[in-house]
Amino acid sequence: MHDSTLDLFTNPEMPETPEMQHSIDNMSETLFSAMEESVNQGRHDDAIALCEEWLVDGKDPEDGEYEFIFIPNFTLEV
């Protein structure tokens, strides 16, 4: 039995795969690029908002023990 609806869709026991790391890298690179572009265009509030989308408690999640949670990709199920 599941404790919550969220338990139906998340699997904390799922081992990290190269695809998961690729998704994390893609997300960080995309947000960083958008943040740089915002700064270059003088849109500092947008740059700060983009930075805050990535940071967790003011820290880069890849610099600590933050765990990204992925749900199973049901589009690949047969």
PDB file of N, CA and C in Angstrom:
ATOM      1  N   MET A   1       0.840  -1.174   0.000  1.00  0.00           N
ATOM      2  CA  MET A   1       0.000   0.000   0.000  1.00  0.00           C
ATOM      3  C   MET A   1       0.886   1.238   0.000  1.00  0.00           C
ATOM      4  N   HIS A   2       0.378   2.321  -0.548  1.00  0.00           N
ATOM      5  CA  HIS A   2       1.136   3.564  -0.634  1.00  0.00           C
ATOM      6  C   HIS A   2       0.662   4.537   0.437  1.00  0.00           C
ATOM      7  N   ASP A   3       1.627   5.282   1.006  1.00  0.00           N
ATOM      8  CA  ASP A   3       1.296   6.261   2.036  1.00  0.00           C
ATOM      9  C   ASP A   3       0.625   7.505   1.456  1.00  0.00           C
ATOM     10  N   SER A   4       0.963   7.831   0.225  1.00  0.00           N
ATOM     11  CA  SER A   4       0.370   9.018  -0.390  1.00  0.00           C
ATOM     12  C   SER A   4       0.291   8.821  -1.896  1.00  0.00           C
ATOM     13  N   THR A   5      -0.428   9.717  -2.554  1.00  0.00           N
ATOM     14  CA  THR A   5      -0.518   9.658  -4.013  1.00  0.00           C
ATOM     15  C   THR A   5       0.854   9.829  -4.629  1.00  0.00           C
ATOM     16  N   LEU A   6       1.681  10.696  -4.033  1.00  0.00           N
ATOM     17  CA  LEU A   6       3.020  10.928  -4.560  1.00  0.00           C
ATOM     18  C   LEU A   6       3.837   9.637  -4.580  1.00  0.00           C
ATOM     19  N   ASP A   7       3.639   8.766  -3.597  1.00  0.00           N
ATOM     20  CA  ASP A   7       4.371   7.503  -3.554  1.00  0.00           C
ATOM     21  C   ASP A   7       4.097   6.632  -4.777  1.00  0.00           C
ATOM     22  N   LEU A   8       2.957   6.816  -5.390  1.00  0.00           N
ATOM     23  CA  LEU A   8       2.635   6.049  -6.588  1.00  0.00           C
ATOM     24  C   LEU A   8       3.538   6.411  -7.759  1.00  0.00           C
ATOM     25  N   PHE A   9       4.046   7.647  -7.758  1.00  0.00           N
ATOM     26  CA  PHE A   9       4.762   8.163  -8.912  1.00  0.00           C
ATOM     27  C   PHE A   9       6.247   8.373  -8.697  1.00  0.00           C
ATOM     28  N   THR A  10       6.733   8.313  -7.474  1.00  0.00           N
ATOM     29  CA  THR A  10       8.156   8.495  -7.229  1.00  0.00           C
ATOM     30  C   THR A  10       8.751   7.188  -6.722  1.00  0.00           C
ATOM     31  N   ASN A  11      10.015   7.034  -6.997  1.00  0.00           N
ATOM     32  CA  ASN A  11      10.701   5.832  -6.575  1.00  0.00           C
ATOM     33  C   ASN A  11      12.078   6.214  -6.048  1.00  0.00           C
ATOM     34  N   PRO A  12      12.193   6.504  -4.741  1.00  0.00           N
ATOM     35  CA  PRO A  12      13.480   6.924  -4.194  1.00  0.00           C
ATOM     36  C   PRO A  12      14.554   5.843  -4.280  1.00  0.00           C
ATOM     37  N   GLU A  13      14.171   4.612  -4.533  1.00  0.00           N
ATOM     38  CA  GLU A  13      15.122   3.517  -4.651  1.00  0.00           C
ATOM     39  C   GLU A  13      15.675   3.378  -6.068  1.00  0.00           C
ATOM     40  N   MET A  14      15.157   4.193  -7.008  1.00  0.00           N
ATOM     41  CA  MET A  14      15.556   4.105  -8.407  1.00  0.00           C
ATOM     42  C   MET A  14      17.019   4.534  -8.548  1.00  0.00           C
ATOM     43  N   PRO A  15      17.880   3.680  -9.078  1.00  0.00           N
ATOM     44  CA  PRO A  15      19.292   4.065  -9.248  1.00  0.00           C
ATOM     45  C   PRO A  15      19.426   5.137 -10.337  1.00  0.00           C
ATOM     46  N   GLU A  16      20.390   6.038 -10.140  1.00  0.00           N
ATOM     47  CA  GLU A  16      20.605   7.099 -11.130  1.00  0.00           C
ATOM     48  C   GLU A  16      21.131   6.490 -12.423  1.00  0.00           C
ATOM     49  N   THR A  17      20.575   6.939 -13.528  1.00  0.00           N
ATOM     50  CA  THR A  17      20.994   6.461 -14.837  1.00  0.00           C
ATOM     51  C   THR A  17      21.682   7.608 -15.580  1.00  0.00           C
ATOM     52  N   PRO A  18      22.412   7.299 -16.655  1.00  0.00           N
ATOM     53  CA  PRO A  18      23.015   8.366 -17.468  1.00  0.00           C
ATOM     54  C   PRO A  18      21.966   9.340 -18.011  1.00  0.00           C
ATOM     55  N   GLU A  19      20.778   8.836 -18.315  1.00  0.00           N
ATOM     56  CA  GLU A  19      19.714   9.708 -18.816  1.00  0.00           C
ATOM     57  C   GLU A  19      19.277  10.712 -17.757  1.00  0.00           C
ATOM     58  N   MET A  20      19.228  10.276 -16.495  1.00  0.00           N
ATOM     59  CA  MET A  20      18.865  11.180 -15.412  1.00  0.00           C
ATOM     60  C   MET A  20      19.911  12.280 -15.265  1.00  0.00           C
ATOM     61  N   GLN A  21      21.190  11.901 -15.270  1.00  0.00           N
ATOM     62  CA  GLN A  21      22.249  12.898 -15.149  1.00  0.00           C
ATOM     63  C   GLN A  21      22.228  13.840 -16.343  1.00  0.00           C
ATOM     64  N   HIS A  22      21.931  13.322 -17.518  1.00  0.00           N
ATOM     65  CA  HIS A  22      21.815  14.172 -18.708  1.00  0.00           C
ATOM     66  C   HIS A  22      20.682  15.191 -18.524  1.00  0.00           C
ATOM     67  N   SER A  23      19.574  14.772 -17.956  1.00  0.00           N
ATOM     68  CA  SER A  23      18.449  15.679 -17.708  1.00  0.00           C
ATOM     69  C   SER A  23      18.834  16.780 -16.723  1.00  0.00           C
ATOM     70  N   ILE A  24      19.547  16.414 -15.676  1.00  0.00           N
ATOM     71  CA  ILE A  24      19.998  17.389 -14.681  1.00  0.00           C
ATOM     72  C   ILE A  24      20.971  18.377 -15.317  1.00  0.00           C
ATOM     73  N   ASP A  25      21.936  17.855 -16.086  1.00  0.00           N
ATOM     74  CA  ASP A  25      22.902  18.717 -16.774  1.00  0.00           C
ATOM     75  C   ASP A  25      22.205  19.656 -17.751  1.00  0.00           C
ATOM     76  N   ASN A  26      21.254  19.126 -18.495  1.00  0.00           N
ATOM     77  CA  ASN A  26      20.517  19.932 -19.464  1.00  0.00           C
ATOM     78  C   ASN A  26      19.748  21.053 -18.758  1.00  0.00           C
ATOM     79  N   MET A  27      19.110  20.726 -17.635  1.00  0.00           N
ATOM     80  CA  MET A  27      18.351  21.727 -16.896  1.00  0.00           C
ATOM     81  C   MET A  27      19.278  22.830 -16.377  1.00  0.00           C
ATOM     82  N   SER A  28      20.405  22.454 -15.790  1.00  0.00           N
ATOM     83  CA  SER A  28      21.310  23.467 -15.234  1.00  0.00           C
ATOM     84  C   SER A  28      21.907  24.333 -16.335  1.00  0.00           C
ATOM     85  N   GLU A  29      22.305  23.728 -17.458  1.00  0.00           N
ATOM     86  CA  GLU A  29      22.891  24.489 -18.565  1.00  0.00           C
ATOM     87  C   GLU A  29      21.868  25.427 -19.202  1.00  0.00           C
ATOM     88  N   THR A  30      20.636  24.980 -19.333  1.00  0.00           N
ATOM     89  CA  THR A  30      19.580  25.805 -19.923  1.00  0.00           C
ATOM     90  C   THR A  30      19.271  27.005 -19.031  1.00  0.00           C
ATOM     91  N   LEU A  31      19.128  26.770 -17.733  1.00  0.00           N
ATOM     92  CA  LEU A  31      18.848  27.865 -16.813  1.00  0.00           C
ATOM     93  C   LEU A  31      20.021  28.840 -16.743  1.00  0.00           C
ATOM     94  N   PHE A  32      21.256  28.335 -16.747  1.00  0.00           N
ATOM     95  CA  PHE A  32      22.426  29.207 -16.690  1.00  0.00           C
ATOM     96  C   PHE A  32      22.529  30.067 -17.946  1.00  0.00           C
ATOM     97  N   SER A  33      22.285  29.464 -19.090  1.00  0.00           N
ATOM     98  CA  SER A  33      22.321  30.208 -20.346  1.00  0.00           C
ATOM     99  C   SER A  33      21.266  31.307 -20.364  1.00  0.00           C
ATOM    100  N   ALA A  34      20.062  30.988 -19.927  1.00  0.00           N
ATOM    101  CA  ALA A  34      18.982  31.983 -19.879  1.00  0.00           C
ATOM    102  C   ALA A  34      19.311  33.085 -18.878  1.00  0.00           C
ATOM    103  N   MET A  35      19.954  32.722 -17.769  1.00  0.00           N
ATOM    104  CA  MET A  35      20.343  33.710 -16.773  1.00  0.00           C
ATOM    105  C   MET A  35      21.392  34.662 -17.348  1.00  0.00           C
ATOM    106  N   GLU A  36      22.396  34.116 -18.037  1.00  0.00           N
ATOM    107  CA  GLU A  36      23.424  34.953 -18.672  1.00  0.00           C
ATOM    108  C   GLU A  36      22.810  35.912 -19.692  1.00  0.00           C
ATOM    109  N   GLU A  37      21.905  35.405 -20.506  1.00  0.00           N
ATOM    110  CA  GLU A  37      21.248  36.234 -21.513  1.00  0.00           C
ATOM    111  C   GLU A  37      20.449  37.354 -20.852  1.00  0.00           C
ATOM    112  N   SER A  38      19.775  37.041 -19.754  1.00  0.00           N
ATOM    113  CA  SER A  38      19.011  38.057 -19.031  1.00  0.00           C
ATOM    114  C   SER A  38      19.930  39.153 -18.491  1.00  0.00           C
ATOM    115  N   VAL A  39      21.071  38.765 -17.935  1.00  0.00           N
ATOM    116  CA  VAL A  39      22.024  39.746 -17.422  1.00  0.00           C
ATOM    117  C   VAL A  39      22.530  40.623 -18.564  1.00  0.00           C
ATOM    118  N   ASN A  40      22.902  39.998 -19.684  1.00  0.00           N
ATOM    119  CA  ASN A  40      23.419  40.746 -20.833  1.00  0.00           C
ATOM    120  C   ASN A  40      22.389  41.722 -21.396  1.00  0.00           C
ATOM    121  N   GLN A  41      21.122  41.425 -21.227  1.00  0.00           N
ATOM    122  CA  GLN A  41      20.058  42.299 -21.715  1.00  0.00           C
ATOM    123  C   GLN A  41      19.592  43.294 -20.646  1.00  0.00           C
ATOM    124  N   GLY A  42      20.231  43.256 -19.491  1.00  0.00           N
ATOM    125  CA  GLY A  42      19.880  44.185 -18.421  1.00  0.00           C
ATOM    126  C   GLY A  42      18.620  43.816 -17.659  1.00  0.00           C
ATOM    127  N   ARG A  43      18.157  42.597 -17.825  1.00  0.00           N
ATOM    128  CA  ARG A  43      16.952  42.124 -17.129  1.00  0.00           C
ATOM    129  C   ARG A  43      17.378  41.390 -15.852  1.00  0.00           C
ATOM    130  N   HIS A  44      17.842  42.170 -14.888  1.00  0.00           N
ATOM    131  CA  HIS A  44      18.434  41.586 -13.679  1.00  0.00           C
ATOM    132  C   HIS A  44      17.425  40.834 -12.817  1.00  0.00           C
ATOM    133  N   ASP A  45      16.194  41.318 -12.749  1.00  0.00           N
ATOM    134  CA  ASP A  45      15.177  40.597 -11.968  1.00  0.00           C
ATOM    135  C   ASP A  45      14.898  39.219 -12.570  1.00  0.00           C
ATOM    136  N   ASP A  46      14.881  39.148 -13.902  1.00  0.00           N
ATOM    137  CA  ASP A  46      14.686  37.847 -14.564  1.00  0.00           C
ATOM    138  C   ASP A  46      15.862  36.921 -14.288  1.00  0.00           C
ATOM    139  N   ALA A  47      17.078  37.479 -14.304  1.00  0.00           N
ATOM    140  CA  ALA A  47      18.271  36.668 -14.034  1.00  0.00           C
ATOM    141  C   ALA A  47      18.225  36.101 -12.622  1.00  0.00           C
ATOM    142  N   ILE A  48      17.808  36.919 -11.670  1.00  0.00           N
ATOM    143  CA  ILE A  48      17.701  36.452 -10.280  1.00  0.00           C
ATOM    144  C   ILE A  48      16.633  35.368 -10.166  1.00  0.00           C
ATOM    145  N   ALA A  49      15.507  35.564 -10.839  1.00  0.00           N
ATOM    146  CA  ALA A  49      14.427  34.561 -10.803  1.00  0.00           C
ATOM    147  C   ALA A  49      14.908  33.228 -11.383  1.00  0.00           C
ATOM    148  N   LEU A  50      15.642  33.285 -12.478  1.00  0.00           N
ATOM    149  CA  LEU A  50      16.165  32.055 -13.083  1.00  0.00           C
ATOM    150  C   LEU A  50      17.160  31.369 -12.155  1.00  0.00           C
ATOM    151  N   CYS A  51      18.007  32.155 -11.511  1.00  0.00           N
ATOM    152  CA  CYS A  51      18.967  31.596 -10.565  1.00  0.00           C
ATOM    153  C   CYS A  51      18.240  30.907  -9.413  1.00  0.00           C
ATOM    154  N   GLU A  52      17.187  31.544  -8.910  1.00  0.00           N
ATOM    155  CA  GLU A  52      16.441  30.968  -7.801  1.00  0.00           C
ATOM    156  C   GLU A  52      15.673  29.705  -8.200  1.00  0.00           C
ATOM    157  N   GLU A  53      15.386  29.547  -9.487  1.00  0.00           N
ATOM    158  CA  GLU A  53      14.761  28.302  -9.955  1.00  0.00           C
ATOM    159  C   GLU A  53      15.698  27.114  -9.755  1.00  0.00           C
ATOM    160  N   TRP A  54      17.000  27.358  -9.835  1.00  0.00           N
ATOM    161  CA  TRP A  54      17.985  26.280  -9.742  1.00  0.00           C
ATOM    162  C   TRP A  54      18.451  26.049  -8.303  1.00  0.00           C
ATOM    163  N   LEU A  55      18.660  27.123  -7.563  1.00  0.00           N
ATOM    164  CA  LEU A  55      19.216  27.000  -6.218  1.00  0.00           C
ATOM    165  C   LEU A  55      18.223  26.382  -5.243  1.00  0.00           C
ATOM    166  N   VAL A  56      18.746  25.623  -4.288  1.00  0.00           N
ATOM    167  CA  VAL A  56      17.945  25.031  -3.217  1.00  0.00           C
ATOM    168  C   VAL A  56      18.515  25.562  -1.916  1.00  0.00           C
ATOM    169  N   ASP A  57      17.707  26.319  -1.182  1.00  0.00           N
ATOM    170  CA  ASP A  57      18.159  26.950   0.062  1.00  0.00           C
ATOM    171  C   ASP A  57      19.431  27.769  -0.168  1.00  0.00           C
ATOM    172  N   GLY A  58      19.491  28.441  -1.325  1.00  0.00           N
ATOM    173  CA  GLY A  58      20.627  29.307  -1.643  1.00  0.00           C
ATOM    174  C   GLY A  58      21.882  28.594  -2.094  1.00  0.00           C
ATOM    175  N   LYS A  59      21.802  27.296  -2.335  1.00  0.00           N
ATOM    176  CA  LYS A  59      22.987  26.514  -2.727  1.00  0.00           C
ATOM    177  C   LYS A  59      22.734  25.774  -4.028  1.00  0.00           C
ATOM    178  N   ASP A  60      23.801  25.581  -4.797  1.00  0.00           N
ATOM    179  CA  ASP A  60      23.722  24.776  -6.015  1.00  0.00           C
ATOM    180  C   ASP A  60      23.460  23.332  -5.600  1.00  0.00           C
ATOM    181  N   PRO A  61      22.377  22.727  -6.072  1.00  0.00           N
ATOM    182  CA  PRO A  61      22.051  21.363  -5.623  1.00  0.00           C
ATOM    183  C   PRO A  61      23.100  20.322  -6.015  1.00  0.00           C
ATOM    184  N   GLU A  62      23.896  20.598  -7.026  1.00  0.00           N
ATOM    185  CA  GLU A  62      24.919  19.628  -7.410  1.00  0.00           C
ATOM    186  C   GLU A  62      26.173  19.725  -6.547  1.00  0.00           C
ATOM    187  N   ASP A  63      26.254  20.757  -5.685  1.00  0.00           N
ATOM    188  CA  ASP A  63      27.400  20.907  -4.790  1.00  0.00           C
ATOM    189  C   ASP A  63      27.188  20.237  -3.441  1.00  0.00           C
ATOM    190  N   GLY A  64      26.018  19.689  -3.221  1.00  0.00           N
ATOM    191  CA  GLY A  64      25.723  19.103  -1.920  1.00  0.00           C
ATOM    192  C   GLY A  64      25.110  17.734  -2.049  1.00  0.00           C
ATOM    193  N   GLU A  65      24.325  17.398  -1.061  1.00  0.00           N
ATOM    194  CA  GLU A  65      23.701  16.088  -1.016  1.00  0.00           C
ATOM    195  C   GLU A  65      22.236  16.159  -1.394  1.00  0.00           C
ATOM    196  N   TYR A  66      21.907  17.059  -2.315  1.00  0.00           N
ATOM    197  CA  TYR A  66      20.532  17.189  -2.773  1.00  0.00           C
ATOM    198  C   TYR A  66      20.202  16.040  -3.707  1.00  0.00           C
ATOM    199  N   GLU A  67      19.003  15.502  -3.592  1.00  0.00           N
ATOM    200  CA  GLU A  67      18.599  14.375  -4.431  1.00  0.00           C
ATOM    201  C   GLU A  67      17.491  14.809  -5.382  1.00  0.00           C
ATOM    202  N   PHE A  68      17.733  14.645  -6.665  1.00  0.00           N
ATOM    203  CA  PHE A  68      16.702  14.903  -7.659  1.00  0.00           C
ATOM    204  C   PHE A  68      15.784  13.693  -7.710  1.00  0.00           C
ATOM    205  N   ILE A  69      14.497  13.934  -7.794  1.00  0.00           N
ATOM    206  CA  ILE A  69      13.521  12.850  -7.822  1.00  0.00           C
ATOM    207  C   ILE A  69      12.936  12.761  -9.227  1.00  0.00           C
ATOM    208  N   PHE A  70      12.959  11.590  -9.781  1.00  0.00           N
ATOM    209  CA  PHE A  70      12.409  11.329 -11.109  1.00  0.00           C
ATOM    210  C   PHE A  70      11.246  10.353 -10.981  1.00  0.00           C
ATOM    211  N   ILE A  71      10.264  10.545 -11.808  1.00  0.00           N
ATOM    212  CA  ILE A  71       9.194   9.561 -11.874  1.00  0.00           C
ATOM    213  C   ILE A  71       9.502   8.623 -13.035  1.00  0.00           C
ATOM    214  N   PRO A  72       8.996   7.420 -13.007  1.00  0.00           N
ATOM    215  CA  PRO A  72       9.221   6.509 -14.129  1.00  0.00           C
ATOM    216  C   PRO A  72       8.660   7.101 -15.423  1.00  0.00           C
ATOM    217  N   ASN A  73       9.340   6.858 -16.516  1.00  0.00           N
ATOM    218  CA  ASN A  73       8.898   7.365 -17.819  1.00  0.00           C
ATOM    219  C   ASN A  73       7.872   6.395 -18.374  1.00  0.00           C
ATOM    220  N   PHE A  74       6.610   6.702 -18.144  1.00  0.00           N
ATOM    221  CA  PHE A  74       5.531   5.818 -18.580  1.00  0.00           C
ATOM    222  C   PHE A  74       5.334   5.818 -20.102  1.00  0.00           C
ATOM    223  N   THR A  75       5.943   6.785 -20.793  1.00  0.00           N
ATOM    224  CA  THR A  75       5.816   6.824 -22.252  1.00  0.00           C
ATOM    225  C   THR A  75       6.630   5.722 -22.917  1.00  0.00           C
ATOM    226  N   LEU A  76       7.563   5.120 -22.168  1.00  0.00           N
ATOM    227  CA  LEU A  76       8.386   4.063 -22.735  1.00  0.00           C
ATOM    228  C   LEU A  76       7.888   2.661 -22.386  1.00  0.00           C
ATOM    229  N   GLU A  77       6.884   2.595 -21.504  1.00  0.00           N
ATOM    230  CA  GLU A  77       6.336   1.302 -21.116  1.00  0.00           C
ATOM    231  C   GLU A  77       5.603   0.652 -22.287  1.00  0.00           C
ATOM    232  N   VAL A  78       5.706  -0.650 -22.388  1.00  0.00           N
ATOM    233  CA  VAL A  78       5.021  -1.378 -23.458  1.00  0.00           C
ATOM    234  C   VAL A  78       3.729  -1.955 -22.950  1.00  0.00           C
TER     235      VAL A  78
END
